[in-house]
């Protein structure tokens, strides 16, 4: 009987802690994030011009003339070209052969 009382007490206290966490931390955090997103959207809308885009001599808009980096295809390199682009430390042991790049890992 004592274990059942302890279990019920544990469940009730856990529910109270979880509810307090929701009301004291999660809900204010979410409202702050929503307000921040609205502020960023308002800033972006204010920064974008409302006038029509400038027309070029060929009749296209300026945004249509220069493709973004996301739409440009990636240039594929051969393995030897990719290895030659950065300094590397060679490893040659009886059980392992290869190299380790000295550049990279963090942006």
C-alpha atoms as a PDB file:
ATOM      1  CA  UNK A   1       0.000   0.000   0.000  1.00  0.00           C
ATOM      2  CA  UNK A   2       2.883   2.353   0.805  1.00  0.00           C
ATOM      3  CA  UNK A   3       4.380   1.868  -2.684  1.00  0.00           C
ATOM      4  CA  UNK A   4       1.087   2.842  -4.330  1.00  0.00           C
ATOM      5  CA  UNK A   5       0.946   6.055  -2.298  1.00  0.00           C
ATOM      6  CA  UNK A   6       4.526   6.879  -3.267  1.00  0.00           C
ATOM      7  CA  UNK A   7       3.794   6.162  -6.930  1.00  0.00           C
ATOM      8  CA  UNK A   8       0.707   8.365  -6.952  1.00  0.00           C
ATOM      9  CA  UNK A   9       2.599  11.107  -5.115  1.00  0.00           C
ATOM     10  CA  UNK A  10       5.442  10.870  -7.635  1.00  0.00           C
ATOM     11  CA  UNK A  11       3.042  11.145 -10.586  1.00  0.00           C
ATOM     12  CA  UNK A  12       1.250  14.164  -9.078  1.00  0.00           C
ATOM     13  CA  UNK A  13       4.502  15.979  -8.256  1.00  0.00           C
ATOM     14  CA  UNK A  14       5.917  15.198 -11.709  1.00  0.00           C
ATOM     15  CA  UNK A  15       2.780  16.584 -13.372  1.00  0.00           C
ATOM     16  CA  UNK A  16       3.035  19.759 -11.283  1.00  0.00           C
ATOM     17  CA  UNK A  17       6.702  20.204 -12.208  1.00  0.00           C
ATOM     18  CA  UNK A  18       5.957  19.578 -15.885  1.00  0.00           C
ATOM     19  CA  UNK A  19       3.078  22.077 -15.861  1.00  0.00           C
ATOM     20  CA  UNK A  20       5.185  24.693 -14.102  1.00  0.00           C
ATOM     21  CA  UNK A  21       7.958  24.174 -16.665  1.00  0.00           C
ATOM     22  CA  UNK A  22       5.474  24.712 -19.502  1.00  0.00           C
ATOM     23  CA  UNK A  23       4.014  27.902 -18.037  1.00  0.00           C
ATOM     24  CA  UNK A  24       7.211  29.429 -16.696  1.00  0.00           C
ATOM     25  CA  UNK A  25       9.683  28.560 -19.459  1.00  0.00           C
ATOM     26  CA  UNK A  26       8.215  27.121 -22.675  1.00  0.00           C
ATOM     27  CA  UNK A  27       5.279  29.476 -23.232  1.00  0.00           C
ATOM     28  CA  UNK A  28       7.294  32.707 -22.648  1.00  0.00           C
ATOM     29  CA  UNK A  29      10.051  31.368 -24.917  1.00  0.00           C
ATOM     30  CA  UNK A  30       7.572  30.619 -27.696  1.00  0.00           C
ATOM     31  CA  UNK A  31       5.922  34.031 -27.445  1.00  0.00           C
ATOM     32  CA  UNK A  32       9.351  35.679 -27.567  1.00  0.00           C
ATOM     33  CA  UNK A  33      10.234  33.674 -30.691  1.00  0.00           C
ATOM     34  CA  UNK A  34       6.951  34.597 -32.404  1.00  0.00           C
ATOM     35  CA  UNK A  35       7.520  38.275 -31.616  1.00  0.00           C
ATOM     36  CA  UNK A  36      11.073  38.038 -32.941  1.00  0.00           C
ATOM     37  CA  UNK A  37       9.877  36.414 -36.179  1.00  0.00           C
ATOM     38  CA  UNK A  38       7.245  39.119 -36.677  1.00  0.00           C
ATOM     39  CA  UNK A  39       9.886  41.788 -36.110  1.00  0.00           C
ATOM     40  CA  UNK A  40      12.225  40.152 -38.641  1.00  0.00           C
ATOM     41  CA  UNK A  41       9.424  39.902 -41.208  1.00  0.00           C
ATOM     42  CA  UNK A  42       8.560  43.558 -40.691  1.00  0.00           C
ATOM     43  CA  UNK A  43      12.218  44.496 -41.121  1.00  0.00           C
ATOM     44  CA  UNK A  44      12.493  42.428 -44.319  1.00  0.00           C
ATOM     45  CA  UNK A  45       9.320  43.939 -45.740  1.00  0.00           C
ATOM     46  CA  UNK A  46      10.583  47.444 -44.982  1.00  0.00           C
ATOM     47  CA  UNK A  47      13.922  46.670 -46.635  1.00  0.00           C
ATOM     48  CA  UNK A  48      12.424  45.357 -49.893  1.00  0.00           C
ATOM     49  CA  UNK A  49      11.564  48.083 -52.395  1.00  0.00           C
ATOM     50  CA  UNK A  50       7.911  48.456 -53.331  1.00  0.00           C
ATOM     51  CA  UNK A  51       8.709  49.969 -56.735  1.00  0.00           C
ATOM     52  CA  UNK A  52       8.869  47.649 -59.769  1.00  0.00           C
ATOM     53  CA  UNK A  53      12.218  46.036 -60.453  1.00  0.00           C
ATOM     54  CA  UNK A  54      14.548  47.921 -62.756  1.00  0.00           C
ATOM     55  CA  UNK A  55      14.245  46.801 -66.365  1.00  0.00           C
ATOM     56  CA  UNK A  56      17.388  46.056 -68.330  1.00  0.00           C
ATOM     57  CA  UNK A  57      17.989  46.813 -71.988  1.00  0.00           C
ATOM     58  CA  UNK A  58      16.822  43.311 -72.927  1.00  0.00           C
ATOM     59  CA  UNK A  59      13.583  43.667 -70.970  1.00  0.00           C
ATOM     60  CA  UNK A  60      14.430  41.291 -68.101  1.00  0.00           C
ATOM     61  CA  UNK A  61      14.459  42.309 -64.501  1.00  0.00           C
ATOM     62  CA  UNK A  62      17.712  42.616 -62.600  1.00  0.00           C
ATOM     63  CA  UNK A  63      16.887  39.590 -60.471  1.00  0.00           C
ATOM     64  CA  UNK A  64      16.384  37.427 -63.569  1.00  0.00           C
ATOM     65  CA  UNK A  65      19.758  38.325 -65.064  1.00  0.00           C
ATOM     66  CA  UNK A  66      22.012  37.043 -62.261  1.00  0.00           C
ATOM     67  CA  UNK A  67      21.145  33.564 -60.977  1.00  0.00           C
ATOM     68  CA  UNK A  68      21.652  32.991 -57.280  1.00  0.00           C
ATOM     69  CA  UNK A  69      24.299  30.660 -55.917  1.00  0.00           C
ATOM     70  CA  UNK A  70      21.637  28.099 -55.053  1.00  0.00           C
ATOM     71  CA  UNK A  71      20.550  27.751 -58.697  1.00  0.00           C
ATOM     72  CA  UNK A  72      24.040  27.478 -60.160  1.00  0.00           C
ATOM     73  CA  UNK A  73      25.229  23.893 -60.686  1.00  0.00           C
ATOM     74  CA  UNK A  74      28.116  22.650 -58.566  1.00  0.00           C
ATOM     75  CA  UNK A  75      31.419  22.072 -60.283  1.00  0.00           C
ATOM     76  CA  UNK A  76      32.526  18.467 -59.915  1.00  0.00           C
ATOM     77  CA  UNK A  77      36.203  17.850 -59.299  1.00  0.00           C
ATOM     78  CA  UNK A  78      38.253  14.736 -59.689  1.00  0.00           C
ATOM     79  CA  UNK A  79      39.664  13.073 -56.602  1.00  0.00           C
ATOM     80  CA  UNK A  80      43.212  14.160 -57.384  1.00  0.00           C
ATOM     81  CA  UNK A  81      42.110  17.789 -57.903  1.00  0.00           C
ATOM     82  CA  UNK A  82      40.201  17.793 -54.621  1.00  0.00           C
ATOM     83  CA  UNK A  83      43.182  16.317 -52.747  1.00  0.00           C
ATOM     84  CA  UNK A  84      45.543  18.868 -54.279  1.00  0.00           C
ATOM     85  CA  UNK A  85      43.403  21.832 -53.146  1.00  0.00           C
ATOM     86  CA  UNK A  86      44.446  21.667 -49.483  1.00  0.00           C
ATOM     87  CA  UNK A  87      47.630  20.705 -47.635  1.00  0.00           C
ATOM     88  CA  UNK A  88      47.602  17.137 -46.367  1.00  0.00           C
ATOM     89  CA  UNK A  89      49.716  14.976 -44.062  1.00  0.00           C
ATOM     90  CA  UNK A  90      50.505  11.603 -45.616  1.00  0.00           C
ATOM     91  CA  UNK A  91      50.079   8.437 -43.550  1.00  0.00           C
ATOM     92  CA  UNK A  92      51.853   5.271 -44.634  1.00  0.00           C
ATOM     93  CA  UNK A  93      51.966   2.406 -42.143  1.00  0.00           C
ATOM     94  CA  UNK A  94      51.871  -1.363 -42.616  1.00  0.00           C
ATOM     95  CA  UNK A  95      48.128  -1.393 -41.797  1.00  0.00           C
ATOM     96  CA  UNK A  96      46.986   2.030 -43.048  1.00  0.00           C
ATOM     97  CA  UNK A  97      47.635   4.280 -46.026  1.00  0.00           C
ATOM     98  CA  UNK A  98      46.138   7.669 -46.753  1.00  0.00           C
ATOM     99  CA  UNK A  99      46.319  11.301 -45.754  1.00  0.00           C
ATOM    100  CA  UNK A 100      44.712  13.753 -43.354  1.00  0.00           C
ATOM    101  CA  UNK A 101      43.623  17.210 -44.453  1.00  0.00           C
ATOM    102  CA  UNK A 102      45.143  20.074 -42.476  1.00  0.00           C
ATOM    103  CA  UNK A 103      42.361  22.440 -43.518  1.00  0.00           C
ATOM    104  CA  UNK A 104      38.659  22.095 -42.756  1.00  0.00           C
ATOM    105  CA  UNK A 105      36.402  20.813 -40.077  1.00  0.00           C
ATOM    106  CA  UNK A 106      35.170  24.244 -38.994  1.00  0.00           C
ATOM    107  CA  UNK A 107      33.696  27.172 -40.859  1.00  0.00           C
END
